[in-house]
Amino acid sequence: MKPINLNKARKAKARAEKSARADANAVKFGPSKAEKNSVTSLTQKRSRDLDGHKLDK
C-alpha cells in the first residue's frame, strides 16, 4: 500500500468541487459577455461579407 499526501488529496478534491460549481454556474447563467460579443461580431462580419459579394443589377 502506497502512502498518500493528504494535503494533495484535499486540494485535488477542492479543485474538483470548484470546477463542478463553475460548470454549473456556466450553465445556469449562460455565456459570458465576451462570448456574446464574439458571436455578435462574427455574425455581423458574415453579414457584411455576404452583402459585399452581392452583385448589383
N, C-alpha and C. Protein backbone atom coordinates (compact mmCIF):
# COMPACT_ATOMS: atom_id res chain seq x y z
N MET A 1 0.85 -1.18 0.00
CA MET A 1 0.00 0.00 0.00
C MET A 1 0.90 1.24 0.00
N LYS A 2 0.57 2.17 -0.87
CA LYS A 2 1.38 3.37 -1.02
C LYS A 2 0.79 4.52 -0.20
N PRO A 3 1.61 5.22 0.58
CA PRO A 3 1.08 6.34 1.36
C PRO A 3 0.73 7.52 0.44
N ILE A 4 -0.28 8.28 0.82
CA ILE A 4 -0.68 9.44 0.02
C ILE A 4 -0.52 10.70 0.86
N ASN A 5 -0.31 11.78 0.16
CA ASN A 5 -0.20 13.07 0.82
C ASN A 5 -1.61 13.63 0.98
N LEU A 6 -2.04 13.77 2.23
CA LEU A 6 -3.41 14.21 2.48
C LEU A 6 -3.66 15.64 2.02
N ASN A 7 -2.64 16.49 2.06
CA ASN A 7 -2.81 17.86 1.58
C ASN A 7 -3.10 17.86 0.08
N LYS A 8 -2.40 17.03 -0.69
CA LYS A 8 -2.65 16.96 -2.13
C LYS A 8 -4.04 16.43 -2.41
N ALA A 9 -4.47 15.43 -1.66
CA ALA A 9 -5.80 14.86 -1.85
C ALA A 9 -6.87 15.89 -1.51
N ARG A 10 -6.68 16.63 -0.44
CA ARG A 10 -7.66 17.65 -0.03
C ARG A 10 -7.75 18.75 -1.08
N LYS A 11 -6.60 19.19 -1.58
CA LYS A 11 -6.59 20.25 -2.58
C LYS A 11 -7.18 19.76 -3.90
N ALA A 12 -6.92 18.52 -4.28
CA ALA A 12 -7.48 17.96 -5.51
C ALA A 12 -9.00 17.89 -5.42
N LYS A 13 -9.51 17.49 -4.24
CA LYS A 13 -10.94 17.43 -4.04
C LYS A 13 -11.55 18.83 -4.13
N ALA A 14 -10.89 19.81 -3.53
CA ALA A 14 -11.39 21.19 -3.57
C ALA A 14 -11.41 21.72 -5.00
N ARG A 15 -10.36 21.41 -5.78
CA ARG A 15 -10.32 21.84 -7.19
C ARG A 15 -11.46 21.22 -7.98
N ALA A 16 -11.73 19.93 -7.73
CA ALA A 16 -12.80 19.24 -8.45
C ALA A 16 -14.16 19.86 -8.10
N GLU A 17 -14.37 20.16 -6.83
CA GLU A 17 -15.63 20.78 -6.41
C GLU A 17 -15.78 22.17 -7.02
N LYS A 18 -14.70 22.93 -7.04
CA LYS A 18 -14.74 24.27 -7.61
C LYS A 18 -15.04 24.21 -9.10
N SER A 19 -14.44 23.27 -9.79
CA SER A 19 -14.68 23.10 -11.22
C SER A 19 -16.13 22.71 -11.49
N ALA A 20 -16.67 21.82 -10.68
CA ALA A 20 -18.06 21.41 -10.84
C ALA A 20 -19.00 22.58 -10.60
N ARG A 21 -18.70 23.39 -9.59
CA ARG A 21 -19.52 24.56 -9.29
C ARG A 21 -19.45 25.57 -10.44
N ALA A 22 -18.27 25.75 -11.01
CA ALA A 22 -18.10 26.67 -12.13
C ALA A 22 -18.88 26.19 -13.35
N ASP A 23 -18.86 24.90 -13.62
CA ASP A 23 -19.61 24.35 -14.75
C ASP A 23 -21.11 24.55 -14.54
N ALA A 24 -21.57 24.34 -13.33
CA ALA A 24 -23.00 24.52 -13.03
C ALA A 24 -23.39 25.98 -13.21
N ASN A 25 -22.56 26.89 -12.77
CA ASN A 25 -22.86 28.31 -12.93
C ASN A 25 -22.82 28.73 -14.39
N ALA A 26 -21.92 28.15 -15.17
CA ALA A 26 -21.85 28.48 -16.59
C ALA A 26 -23.15 28.08 -17.29
N VAL A 27 -23.69 26.94 -16.91
CA VAL A 27 -24.96 26.50 -17.50
C VAL A 27 -26.10 27.38 -16.99
N LYS A 28 -26.05 27.71 -15.71
CA LYS A 28 -27.13 28.48 -15.08
C LYS A 28 -27.20 29.90 -15.62
N PHE A 29 -26.07 30.55 -15.81
CA PHE A 29 -26.05 31.96 -16.18
C PHE A 29 -25.74 32.22 -17.64
N GLY A 30 -25.47 31.17 -18.42
CA GLY A 30 -25.27 31.33 -19.85
C GLY A 30 -23.88 31.80 -20.21
N PRO A 31 -23.70 32.16 -21.48
CA PRO A 31 -22.36 32.56 -21.95
C PRO A 31 -21.91 33.89 -21.35
N SER A 32 -20.61 34.06 -21.27
CA SER A 32 -20.06 35.28 -20.71
C SER A 32 -20.25 36.44 -21.69
N LYS A 33 -20.02 37.63 -21.21
CA LYS A 33 -20.17 38.81 -22.04
C LYS A 33 -19.20 38.77 -23.22
N ALA A 34 -17.99 38.30 -22.99
CA ALA A 34 -17.01 38.20 -24.07
C ALA A 34 -17.47 37.21 -25.15
N GLU A 35 -18.05 36.09 -24.73
CA GLU A 35 -18.55 35.12 -25.70
C GLU A 35 -19.72 35.69 -26.50
N LYS A 36 -20.60 36.42 -25.83
CA LYS A 36 -21.73 37.04 -26.53
C LYS A 36 -21.24 38.05 -27.55
N ASN A 37 -20.26 38.88 -27.15
CA ASN A 37 -19.71 39.88 -28.07
C ASN A 37 -19.03 39.21 -29.25
N SER A 38 -18.35 38.12 -29.01
CA SER A 38 -17.66 37.40 -30.08
C SER A 38 -18.65 36.86 -31.10
N VAL A 39 -19.73 36.27 -30.62
CA VAL A 39 -20.75 35.72 -31.52
C VAL A 39 -21.40 36.85 -32.31
N THR A 40 -21.71 37.95 -31.65
CA THR A 40 -22.34 39.09 -32.31
C THR A 40 -21.44 39.66 -33.40
N SER A 41 -20.17 39.86 -33.08
CA SER A 41 -19.26 40.43 -34.07
C SER A 41 -19.05 39.48 -35.24
N LEU A 42 -18.99 38.18 -34.99
CA LEU A 42 -18.83 37.21 -36.06
C LEU A 42 -20.05 37.21 -36.97
N THR A 43 -21.24 37.30 -36.38
CA THR A 43 -22.48 37.36 -37.17
C THR A 43 -22.51 38.61 -38.04
N GLN A 44 -22.13 39.74 -37.47
CA GLN A 44 -22.11 40.99 -38.23
C GLN A 44 -21.09 40.93 -39.36
N LYS A 45 -19.93 40.34 -39.12
CA LYS A 45 -18.90 40.23 -40.15
C LYS A 45 -19.39 39.35 -41.29
N ARG A 46 -20.02 38.24 -40.96
CA ARG A 46 -20.54 37.35 -42.01
C ARG A 46 -21.59 38.07 -42.85
N SER A 47 -22.43 38.86 -42.19
CA SER A 47 -23.45 39.62 -42.91
C SER A 47 -22.81 40.64 -43.85
N ARG A 48 -21.80 41.35 -43.36
CA ARG A 48 -21.10 42.34 -44.20
C ARG A 48 -20.41 41.66 -45.38
N ASP A 49 -19.77 40.53 -45.12
CA ASP A 49 -19.08 39.82 -46.19
C ASP A 49 -20.07 39.34 -47.25
N LEU A 50 -21.21 38.84 -46.81
CA LEU A 50 -22.23 38.38 -47.75
C LEU A 50 -22.77 39.54 -48.57
N ASP A 51 -23.02 40.68 -47.92
CA ASP A 51 -23.51 41.85 -48.64
C ASP A 51 -22.47 42.36 -49.63
N GLY A 52 -21.21 42.23 -49.30
CA GLY A 52 -20.14 42.69 -50.18
C GLY A 52 -20.00 41.84 -51.43
N HIS A 53 -20.48 40.60 -51.39
CA HIS A 53 -20.37 39.71 -52.54
C HIS A 53 -21.59 39.72 -53.43
N LYS A 54 -22.62 40.47 -53.05
CA LYS A 54 -23.81 40.54 -53.88
C LYS A 54 -23.53 41.35 -55.14
N LEU A 55 -24.14 40.95 -56.22
CA LEU A 55 -23.97 41.63 -57.49
C LEU A 55 -25.09 42.67 -57.65
N ASP A 56 -24.72 43.86 -58.13
CA ASP A 56 -25.70 44.90 -58.39
C ASP A 56 -26.22 44.73 -59.81
N LYS A 57 -27.51 44.83 -59.98
CA LYS A 57 -28.11 44.70 -61.32
C LYS A 57 -28.74 45.97 -61.76
